[in-house]
């Protein structure tokens, strides 16, 4: 059963987090598969590993069932279009109120974020995953960001790396252009107020005053950043966080905030 008729006010952001490893059982997975379009079923089948097919299935069930909490369609009825950079949006005829969403996932965590009308992006990263961090900063960060990162005490550098990484991903996803935006053309800074600022290189045409960002730490393992564009710096966005499993229930939770939204 999908809970329906949740309302999103102008300044609301709803974030949902789910661990795909918790989803087991033939009955619920069959219900998930029944939601997919033929195109989605074919895309799922192209994944080589079962863990990736499973995560894709849970992700699609999650976004479809969550959309039905806000809109009039049943989960299997939702249809999507993409822009030239493949960012998905709800087809216009199913979205009279301008609901916007974005999705991110990493191992053991899927995030979906919703807001009315405004461009929004989310990124989640597992900060314990194997791989280089500070050593590769020069490839992805601006000069300003790399300098600030390396100025941190060594024990803080890995955490700061993921601050930058998730914030930068949230920005390019909200813009809907992905890596078509050069990652060195914008920088994040962390003023004494405890919030996040964004700055743009001259060749990157954008207005910093229209952007607002938030970073959360789910526990010692996962870091989440949300970026939203609009008149959101005057009044702080109202963030509500839900944790659960698609079709099996959601409950409001509180997560530690590393950097809050401005306002």
C-alpha atoms as a PDB file:
ATOM      1  CA  UNK A   1       0.000   0.000   0.000  1.00  0.00           C
ATOM      2  CA  UNK A   2       1.402   3.397  -1.019  1.00  0.00           C
ATOM      3  CA  UNK A   3       0.660   6.315   1.306  1.00  0.00           C
ATOM      4  CA  UNK A   4      -0.753   9.141  -0.801  1.00  0.00           C
ATOM      5  CA  UNK A   5      -1.483  12.847  -0.735  1.00  0.00           C
ATOM      6  CA  UNK A   6       1.627  14.113   0.997  1.00  0.00           C
ATOM      7  CA  UNK A   7       1.955  17.841   0.463  1.00  0.00           C
ATOM      8  CA  UNK A   8       5.138  19.713  -0.409  1.00  0.00           C
ATOM      9  CA  UNK A   9       5.071  23.431   0.318  1.00  0.00           C
ATOM     10  CA  UNK A  10       7.205  25.878  -1.630  1.00  0.00           C
ATOM     11  CA  UNK A  11      10.201  25.663   0.705  1.00  0.00           C
ATOM     12  CA  UNK A  12       9.987  21.951   1.545  1.00  0.00           C
ATOM     13  CA  UNK A  13      12.582  19.313   0.746  1.00  0.00           C
ATOM     14  CA  UNK A  14      11.887  15.646   1.471  1.00  0.00           C
ATOM     15  CA  UNK A  15      14.869  13.285   1.538  1.00  0.00           C
ATOM     16  CA  UNK A  16      14.411   9.497   1.602  1.00  0.00           C
ATOM     17  CA  UNK A  17      17.209   7.070   2.457  1.00  0.00           C
ATOM     18  CA  UNK A  18      17.095   3.282   2.084  1.00  0.00           C
ATOM     19  CA  UNK A  19      19.512   0.379   2.355  1.00  0.00           C
ATOM     20  CA  UNK A  20      18.897  -1.994  -0.593  1.00  0.00           C
ATOM     21  CA  UNK A  21      20.496  -4.835   1.374  1.00  0.00           C
ATOM     22  CA  UNK A  22      17.444  -4.802   3.662  1.00  0.00           C
ATOM     23  CA  UNK A  23      15.118  -5.660   0.785  1.00  0.00           C
ATOM     24  CA  UNK A  24      14.674  -9.397   0.525  1.00  0.00           C
ATOM     25  CA  UNK A  25      11.768 -11.754  -0.075  1.00  0.00           C
ATOM     26  CA  UNK A  26      10.128 -13.074  -3.216  1.00  0.00           C
ATOM     27  CA  UNK A  27       6.828 -11.251  -2.707  1.00  0.00           C
ATOM     28  CA  UNK A  28       8.197  -7.718  -2.380  1.00  0.00           C
ATOM     29  CA  UNK A  29      10.745  -8.173  -5.172  1.00  0.00           C
ATOM     30  CA  UNK A  30       7.989  -9.440  -7.458  1.00  0.00           C
ATOM     31  CA  UNK A  31       5.977  -6.309  -6.672  1.00  0.00           C
ATOM     32  CA  UNK A  32       9.019  -4.208  -7.530  1.00  0.00           C
ATOM     33  CA  UNK A  33       9.511  -5.977 -10.871  1.00  0.00           C
ATOM     34  CA  UNK A  34       5.846  -5.464 -11.711  1.00  0.00           C
ATOM     35  CA  UNK A  35       6.391  -1.687 -11.495  1.00  0.00           C
ATOM     36  CA  UNK A  36       9.068  -1.590 -14.191  1.00  0.00           C
ATOM     37  CA  UNK A  37       8.507  -0.672 -17.811  1.00  0.00           C
ATOM     38  CA  UNK A  38       9.839  -2.975 -20.512  1.00  0.00           C
ATOM     39  CA  UNK A  39      12.683  -0.526 -21.098  1.00  0.00           C
ATOM     40  CA  UNK A  40      13.601  -0.580 -17.399  1.00  0.00           C
ATOM     41  CA  UNK A  41      13.516  -4.380 -17.358  1.00  0.00           C
ATOM     42  CA  UNK A  42      15.911  -4.496 -20.305  1.00  0.00           C
ATOM     43  CA  UNK A  43      18.242  -1.979 -18.664  1.00  0.00           C
ATOM     44  CA  UNK A  44      18.247  -3.977 -15.435  1.00  0.00           C
ATOM     45  CA  UNK A  45      19.105  -7.174 -17.332  1.00  0.00           C
ATOM     46  CA  UNK A  46      22.190  -5.538 -18.834  1.00  0.00           C
ATOM     47  CA  UNK A  47      23.911  -5.297 -15.443  1.00  0.00           C
ATOM     48  CA  UNK A  48      26.484  -8.079 -15.110  1.00  0.00           C
ATOM     49  CA  UNK A  49      26.281  -8.584 -11.358  1.00  0.00           C
ATOM     50  CA  UNK A  50      23.256  -9.517  -9.284  1.00  0.00           C
ATOM     51  CA  UNK A  51      24.055  -6.858  -6.650  1.00  0.00           C
ATOM     52  CA  UNK A  52      23.798  -4.178  -9.334  1.00  0.00           C
ATOM     53  CA  UNK A  53      20.564  -5.626 -10.750  1.00  0.00           C
ATOM     54  CA  UNK A  54      19.148  -5.687  -7.225  1.00  0.00           C
ATOM     55  CA  UNK A  55      20.123  -2.096  -6.464  1.00  0.00           C
ATOM     56  CA  UNK A  56      18.672  -0.912  -9.778  1.00  0.00           C
ATOM     57  CA  UNK A  57      15.396  -2.702  -9.033  1.00  0.00           C
ATOM     58  CA  UNK A  58      15.124  -1.208  -5.536  1.00  0.00           C
ATOM     59  CA  UNK A  59      16.010   2.249  -6.850  1.00  0.00           C
ATOM     60  CA  UNK A  60      13.325   2.184  -9.539  1.00  0.00           C
ATOM     61  CA  UNK A  61      10.725   0.834  -7.100  1.00  0.00           C
ATOM     62  CA  UNK A  62      11.736   3.504  -4.621  1.00  0.00           C
ATOM     63  CA  UNK A  63      11.359   6.449  -6.989  1.00  0.00           C
ATOM     64  CA  UNK A  64       8.111   5.131  -8.481  1.00  0.00           C
ATOM     65  CA  UNK A  65       6.424   4.355  -5.165  1.00  0.00           C
ATOM     66  CA  UNK A  66       7.598   7.610  -3.589  1.00  0.00           C
ATOM     67  CA  UNK A  67       6.267   9.688  -6.472  1.00  0.00           C
ATOM     68  CA  UNK A  68       2.881   8.127  -5.798  1.00  0.00           C
ATOM     69  CA  UNK A  69       2.987   9.600  -2.278  1.00  0.00           C
ATOM     70  CA  UNK A  70       2.725  13.037  -3.916  1.00  0.00           C
ATOM     71  CA  UNK A  71       1.013  12.518  -7.281  1.00  0.00           C
ATOM     72  CA  UNK A  72      -2.088  10.858  -8.648  1.00  0.00           C
ATOM     73  CA  UNK A  73      -0.457   8.018 -10.611  1.00  0.00           C
ATOM     74  CA  UNK A  74       0.063   4.471  -9.439  1.00  0.00           C
ATOM     75  CA  UNK A  75       3.767   3.496  -9.208  1.00  0.00           C
ATOM     76  CA  UNK A  76       3.829   1.530 -12.469  1.00  0.00           C
ATOM     77  CA  UNK A  77       2.150   4.381 -14.383  1.00  0.00           C
ATOM     78  CA  UNK A  78       4.848   7.034 -14.004  1.00  0.00           C
ATOM     79  CA  UNK A  79       6.666   8.010 -17.199  1.00  0.00           C
ATOM     80  CA  UNK A  80       9.845  10.013 -17.522  1.00  0.00           C
ATOM     81  CA  UNK A  81      11.647  12.121 -20.079  1.00  0.00           C
ATOM     82  CA  UNK A  82      15.311  13.109 -20.121  1.00  0.00           C
ATOM     83  CA  UNK A  83      17.144  16.232 -21.187  1.00  0.00           C
ATOM     84  CA  UNK A  84      20.104  16.180 -23.566  1.00  0.00           C
ATOM     85  CA  UNK A  85      22.399  15.185 -20.672  1.00  0.00           C
ATOM     86  CA  UNK A  86      20.079  12.314 -19.625  1.00  0.00           C
ATOM     87  CA  UNK A  87      18.720  13.910 -16.453  1.00  0.00           C
ATOM     88  CA  UNK A  88      15.278  12.354 -15.832  1.00  0.00           C
ATOM     89  CA  UNK A  89      12.154  14.386 -15.162  1.00  0.00           C
ATOM     90  CA  UNK A  90       8.507  13.441 -14.745  1.00  0.00           C
ATOM     91  CA  UNK A  91       6.583  13.770 -18.007  1.00  0.00           C
ATOM     92  CA  UNK A  92       4.762  17.101 -18.006  1.00  0.00           C
ATOM     93  CA  UNK A  93       1.236  15.692 -18.360  1.00  0.00           C
ATOM     94  CA  UNK A  94       1.699  13.741 -15.098  1.00  0.00           C
ATOM     95  CA  UNK A  95       3.218  16.636 -13.180  1.00  0.00           C
ATOM     96  CA  UNK A  96       0.889  19.644 -13.005  1.00  0.00           C
ATOM     97  CA  UNK A  97       2.456  20.916  -9.755  1.00  0.00           C
ATOM     98  CA  UNK A  98       6.065  20.875 -10.975  1.00  0.00           C
ATOM     99  CA  UNK A  99       7.394  18.220  -8.596  1.00  0.00           C
ATOM    100  CA  UNK A 100      11.159  17.802  -8.959  1.00  0.00           C
ATOM    101  CA  UNK A 101      13.316  14.894  -7.816  1.00  0.00           C
ATOM    102  CA  UNK A 102      16.831  13.537  -7.904  1.00  0.00           C
ATOM    103  CA  UNK A 103      18.417  10.185  -7.070  1.00  0.00           C
ATOM    104  CA  UNK A 104      21.832   9.034  -5.865  1.00  0.00           C
ATOM    105  CA  UNK A 105      23.135   5.701  -4.670  1.00  0.00           C
ATOM    106  CA  UNK A 106      26.246   4.034  -3.382  1.00  0.00           C
ATOM    107  CA  UNK A 107      26.833   0.675  -1.762  1.00  0.00           C
ATOM    108  CA  UNK A 108      24.182   0.132   0.959  1.00  0.00           C
ATOM    109  CA  UNK A 109      22.510   3.522   0.495  1.00  0.00           C
ATOM    110  CA  UNK A 110      19.958   4.922  -1.960  1.00  0.00           C
ATOM    111  CA  UNK A 111      18.811   8.553  -1.662  1.00  0.00           C
ATOM    112  CA  UNK A 112      15.821  10.224  -3.311  1.00  0.00           C
ATOM    113  CA  UNK A 113      15.070  13.902  -2.816  1.00  0.00           C
ATOM    114  CA  UNK A 114      11.881  15.828  -3.726  1.00  0.00           C
ATOM    115  CA  UNK A 115      10.901  19.475  -3.850  1.00  0.00           C
ATOM    116  CA  UNK A 116       8.360  21.544  -5.769  1.00  0.00           C
ATOM    117  CA  UNK A 117       9.462  23.430  -8.901  1.00  0.00           C
ATOM    118  CA  UNK A 118      13.142  24.146  -8.085  1.00  0.00           C
ATOM    119  CA  UNK A 119      16.258  22.532  -9.546  1.00  0.00           C
ATOM    120  CA  UNK A 120      17.637  20.078  -6.988  1.00  0.00           C
ATOM    121  CA  UNK A 121      20.468  17.550  -6.813  1.00  0.00           C
ATOM    122  CA  UNK A 122      21.628  14.995  -4.253  1.00  0.00           C
ATOM    123  CA  UNK A 123      24.758  12.904  -3.877  1.00  0.00           C
ATOM    124  CA  UNK A 124      25.635  10.188  -1.364  1.00  0.00           C
ATOM    125  CA  UNK A 125      29.075   8.644  -0.929  1.00  0.00           C
ATOM    126  CA  UNK A 126      30.488   5.892   1.230  1.00  0.00           C
ATOM    127  CA  UNK A 127      33.435   7.552   2.941  1.00  0.00           C
ATOM    128  CA  UNK A 128      34.905   4.158   3.860  1.00  0.00           C
ATOM    129  CA  UNK A 129      35.146   2.882   0.307  1.00  0.00           C
ATOM    130  CA  UNK A 130      38.555   1.924  -0.969  1.00  0.00           C
ATOM    131  CA  UNK A 131      40.403   4.314  -3.258  1.00  0.00           C
ATOM    132  CA  UNK A 132      42.496   7.436  -3.288  1.00  0.00           C
ATOM    133  CA  UNK A 133      41.066  10.722  -2.096  1.00  0.00           C
ATOM    134  CA  UNK A 134      43.489  13.594  -1.489  1.00  0.00           C
ATOM    135  CA  UNK A 135      45.947  12.288  -4.102  1.00  0.00           C
ATOM    136  CA  UNK A 136      43.366  12.693  -6.877  1.00  0.00           C
ATOM    137  CA  UNK A 137      41.949  16.055  -5.751  1.00  0.00           C
ATOM    138  CA  UNK A 138      43.893  17.929  -8.448  1.00  0.00           C
ATOM    139  CA  UNK A 139      41.914  16.063 -11.111  1.00  0.00           C
ATOM    140  CA  UNK A 140      38.475  17.084  -9.862  1.00  0.00           C
ATOM    141  CA  UNK A 141      38.743  20.115  -7.584  1.00  0.00           C
ATOM    142  CA  UNK A 142      39.527  23.756  -8.215  1.00  0.00           C
ATOM    143  CA  UNK A 143      42.885  25.151  -7.129  1.00  0.00           C
ATOM    144  CA  UNK A 144      41.172  26.908  -4.210  1.00  0.00           C
ATOM    145  CA  UNK A 145      39.514  23.682  -3.050  1.00  0.00           C
ATOM    146  CA  UNK A 146      42.664  21.607  -3.344  1.00  0.00           C
ATOM    147  CA  UNK A 147      44.658  24.148  -1.343  1.00  0.00           C
ATOM    148  CA  UNK A 148      42.055  24.231   1.408  1.00  0.00           C
ATOM    149  CA  UNK A 149      41.835  20.432   1.452  1.00  0.00           C
ATOM    150  CA  UNK A 150      45.593  20.008   1.864  1.00  0.00           C
ATOM    151  CA  UNK A 151      45.670  22.654   4.596  1.00  0.00           C
ATOM    152  CA  UNK A 152      43.461  20.461   6.791  1.00  0.00           C
ATOM    153  CA  UNK A 153      45.025  18.226   9.457  1.00  0.00           C
ATOM    154  CA  UNK A 154      45.766  14.880   7.890  1.00  0.00           C
ATOM    155  CA  UNK A 155      43.118  13.112   9.956  1.00  0.00           C
ATOM    156  CA  UNK A 156      40.487  15.525   8.568  1.00  0.00           C
ATOM    157  CA  UNK A 157      41.438  15.393   4.913  1.00  0.00           C
ATOM    158  CA  UNK A 158      39.443  12.329   3.899  1.00  0.00           C
ATOM    159  CA  UNK A 159      36.255  13.727   5.414  1.00  0.00           C
ATOM    160  CA  UNK A 160      36.838  17.106   3.757  1.00  0.00           C
ATOM    161  CA  UNK A 161      37.424  15.366   0.425  1.00  0.00           C
ATOM    162  CA  UNK A 162      33.918  13.910   0.616  1.00  0.00           C
ATOM    163  CA  UNK A 163      32.475  17.277   1.632  1.00  0.00           C
ATOM    164  CA  UNK A 164      33.773  18.668  -1.643  1.00  0.00           C
ATOM    165  CA  UNK A 165      32.930  15.591  -3.690  1.00  0.00           C
ATOM    166  CA  UNK A 166      29.292  15.332  -2.628  1.00  0.00           C
ATOM    167  CA  UNK A 167      28.714  19.084  -2.850  1.00  0.00           C
ATOM    168  CA  UNK A 168      30.152  19.268  -6.360  1.00  0.00           C
ATOM    169  CA  UNK A 169      28.055  16.294  -7.467  1.00  0.00           C
ATOM    170  CA  UNK A 170      24.914  17.845  -5.987  1.00  0.00           C
ATOM    171  CA  UNK A 171      25.548  21.043  -7.962  1.00  0.00           C
ATOM    172  CA  UNK A 172      26.131  19.445 -11.363  1.00  0.00           C
ATOM    173  CA  UNK A 173      23.146  17.123 -10.835  1.00  0.00           C
ATOM    174  CA  UNK A 174      20.871  20.021  -9.908  1.00  0.00           C
ATOM    175  CA  UNK A 175      22.009  21.818 -13.053  1.00  0.00           C
ATOM    176  CA  UNK A 176      21.050  18.703 -15.021  1.00  0.00           C
ATOM    177  CA  UNK A 177      24.271  18.698 -17.031  1.00  0.00           C
ATOM    178  CA  UNK A 178      26.458  16.236 -15.178  1.00  0.00           C
ATOM    179  CA  UNK A 179      30.107  16.238 -16.200  1.00  0.00           C
ATOM    180  CA  UNK A 180      29.365  18.580 -19.100  1.00  0.00           C
ATOM    181  CA  UNK A 181      30.177  21.171 -16.413  1.00  0.00           C
ATOM    182  CA  UNK A 182      33.898  21.435 -15.724  1.00  0.00           C
ATOM    183  CA  UNK A 183      34.424  20.612 -12.047  1.00  0.00           C
ATOM    184  CA  UNK A 184      37.194  23.216 -11.752  1.00  0.00           C
ATOM    185  CA  UNK A 185      34.859  26.002 -12.884  1.00  0.00           C
ATOM    186  CA  UNK A 186      33.229  26.297  -9.469  1.00  0.00           C
ATOM    187  CA  UNK A 187      34.472  26.156  -5.895  1.00  0.00           C
ATOM    188  CA  UNK A 188      32.967  25.554  -2.491  1.00  0.00           C
ATOM    189  CA  UNK A 189      34.076  27.419   0.602  1.00  0.00           C
ATOM    190  CA  UNK A 190      33.173  27.013   4.254  1.00  0.00           C
ATOM    191  CA  UNK A 191      32.753  30.420   5.946  1.00  0.00           C
ATOM    192  CA  UNK A 192      32.897  30.839   9.743  1.00  0.00           C
ATOM    193  CA  UNK A 193      29.086  30.900   9.879  1.00  0.00           C
ATOM    194  CA  UNK A 194      29.165  27.117   9.458  1.00  0.00           C
ATOM    195  CA  UNK A 195      27.350  27.053   6.115  1.00  0.00           C
ATOM    196  CA  UNK A 196      28.540  26.494   2.526  1.00  0.00           C
ATOM    197  CA  UNK A 197      29.223  29.077  -0.199  1.00  0.00           C
ATOM    198  CA  UNK A 198      29.737  28.470  -3.900  1.00  0.00           C
ATOM    199  CA  UNK A 199      31.922  30.596  -6.180  1.00  0.00           C
ATOM    200  CA  UNK A 200      32.179  30.479  -9.981  1.00  0.00           C
ATOM    201  CA  UNK A 201      35.045  30.981 -12.384  1.00  0.00           C
ATOM    202  CA  UNK A 202      34.475  33.821 -14.830  1.00  0.00           C
ATOM    203  CA  UNK A 203      33.754  31.405 -17.672  1.00  0.00           C
ATOM    204  CA  UNK A 204      30.998  29.692 -15.650  1.00  0.00           C
ATOM    205  CA  UNK A 205      27.887  31.861 -15.934  1.00  0.00           C
ATOM    206  CA  UNK A 206      25.825  31.374 -12.767  1.00  0.00           C
ATOM    207  CA  UNK A 207      24.653  33.336  -9.743  1.00  0.00           C
ATOM    208  CA  UNK A 208      25.933  32.187  -6.325  1.00  0.00           C
ATOM    209  CA  UNK A 209      23.077  33.955  -4.532  1.00  0.00           C
ATOM    210  CA  UNK A 210      20.565  31.540  -6.079  1.00  0.00           C
ATOM    211  CA  UNK A 211      22.182  28.439  -4.592  1.00  0.00           C
ATOM    212  CA  UNK A 212      21.797  26.785  -1.211  1.00  0.00           C
ATOM    213  CA  UNK A 213      23.520  23.631   0.055  1.00  0.00           C
ATOM    214  CA  UNK A 214      23.326  21.229   2.944  1.00  0.00           C
ATOM    215  CA  UNK A 215      25.586  18.332   3.976  1.00  0.00           C
ATOM    216  CA  UNK A 216      24.558  15.456   6.263  1.00  0.00           C
ATOM    217  CA  UNK A 217      26.503  12.611   7.842  1.00  0.00           C
ATOM    218  CA  UNK A 218      24.281   9.552   8.239  1.00  0.00           C
ATOM    219  CA  UNK A 219      26.785   7.859  10.553  1.00  0.00           C
ATOM    220  CA  UNK A 220      30.527   7.438  10.331  1.00  0.00           C
ATOM    221  CA  UNK A 221      30.103   5.889   6.874  1.00  0.00           C
ATOM    222  CA  UNK A 222      27.844   7.884   4.527  1.00  0.00           C
ATOM    223  CA  UNK A 223      27.901  11.552   3.578  1.00  0.00           C
ATOM    224  CA  UNK A 224      25.011  13.219   1.720  1.00  0.00           C
ATOM    225  CA  UNK A 225      24.887  16.664   0.106  1.00  0.00           C
ATOM    226  CA  UNK A 226      21.863  18.435  -1.347  1.00  0.00           C
ATOM    227  CA  UNK A 227      21.998  21.433  -3.651  1.00  0.00           C
ATOM    228  CA  UNK A 228      18.974  23.532  -4.592  1.00  0.00           C
ATOM    229  CA  UNK A 229      18.610  26.539  -6.890  1.00  0.00           C
ATOM    230  CA  UNK A 230      16.069  29.277  -6.304  1.00  0.00           C
ATOM    231  CA  UNK A 231      15.118  31.958  -3.845  1.00  0.00           C
ATOM    232  CA  UNK A 232      16.171  29.707  -0.982  1.00  0.00           C
ATOM    233  CA  UNK A 233      18.860  31.712   0.762  1.00  0.00           C
ATOM    234  CA  UNK A 234      16.383  34.134   2.351  1.00  0.00           C
ATOM    235  CA  UNK A 235      14.347  31.457   4.131  1.00  0.00           C
ATOM    236  CA  UNK A 236      15.989  28.173   5.040  1.00  0.00           C
ATOM    237  CA  UNK A 237      14.529  25.167   3.192  1.00  0.00           C
ATOM    238  CA  UNK A 238      12.533  22.882   5.462  1.00  0.00           C
ATOM    239  CA  UNK A 239      14.220  19.495   5.254  1.00  0.00           C
ATOM    240  CA  UNK A 240      12.368  16.349   6.339  1.00  0.00           C
ATOM    241  CA  UNK A 241      14.235  13.032   6.235  1.00  0.00           C
ATOM    242  CA  UNK A 242      12.589   9.616   5.918  1.00  0.00           C
ATOM    243  CA  UNK A 243      14.171   6.193   6.320  1.00  0.00           C
ATOM    244  CA  UNK A 244      12.659   2.897   5.230  1.00  0.00           C
ATOM    245  CA  UNK A 245      12.006   0.382   2.468  1.00  0.00           C
ATOM    246  CA  UNK A 246       9.811   0.870  -0.629  1.00  0.00           C
ATOM    247  CA  UNK A 247       6.265  -0.443  -0.077  1.00  0.00           C
ATOM    248  CA  UNK A 248       7.158  -1.522   3.471  1.00  0.00           C
ATOM    249  CA  UNK A 249       6.998   1.835   5.202  1.00  0.00           C
ATOM    250  CA  UNK A 250       8.873   5.062   5.930  1.00  0.00           C
ATOM    251  CA  UNK A 251       9.554   6.809   9.217  1.00  0.00           C
ATOM    252  CA  UNK A 252      10.870  10.320   9.852  1.00  0.00           C
ATOM    253  CA  UNK A 253      14.443  10.382  11.177  1.00  0.00           C
ATOM    254  CA  UNK A 254      17.022  12.957  12.160  1.00  0.00           C
ATOM    255  CA  UNK A 255      20.536  12.850  10.746  1.00  0.00           C
ATOM    256  CA  UNK A 256      23.541  14.856  11.955  1.00  0.00           C
ATOM    257  CA  UNK A 257      23.942  18.028   9.908  1.00  0.00           C
ATOM    258  CA  UNK A 258      27.502  18.896   8.943  1.00  0.00           C
ATOM    259  CA  UNK A 259      26.588  22.087   7.056  1.00  0.00           C
ATOM    260  CA  UNK A 260      23.000  23.421   7.235  1.00  0.00           C
ATOM    261  CA  UNK A 261      21.097  25.288   4.566  1.00  0.00           C
ATOM    262  CA  UNK A 262      21.377  29.059   4.769  1.00  0.00           C
ATOM    263  CA  UNK A 263      18.438  31.163   5.789  1.00  0.00           C
END
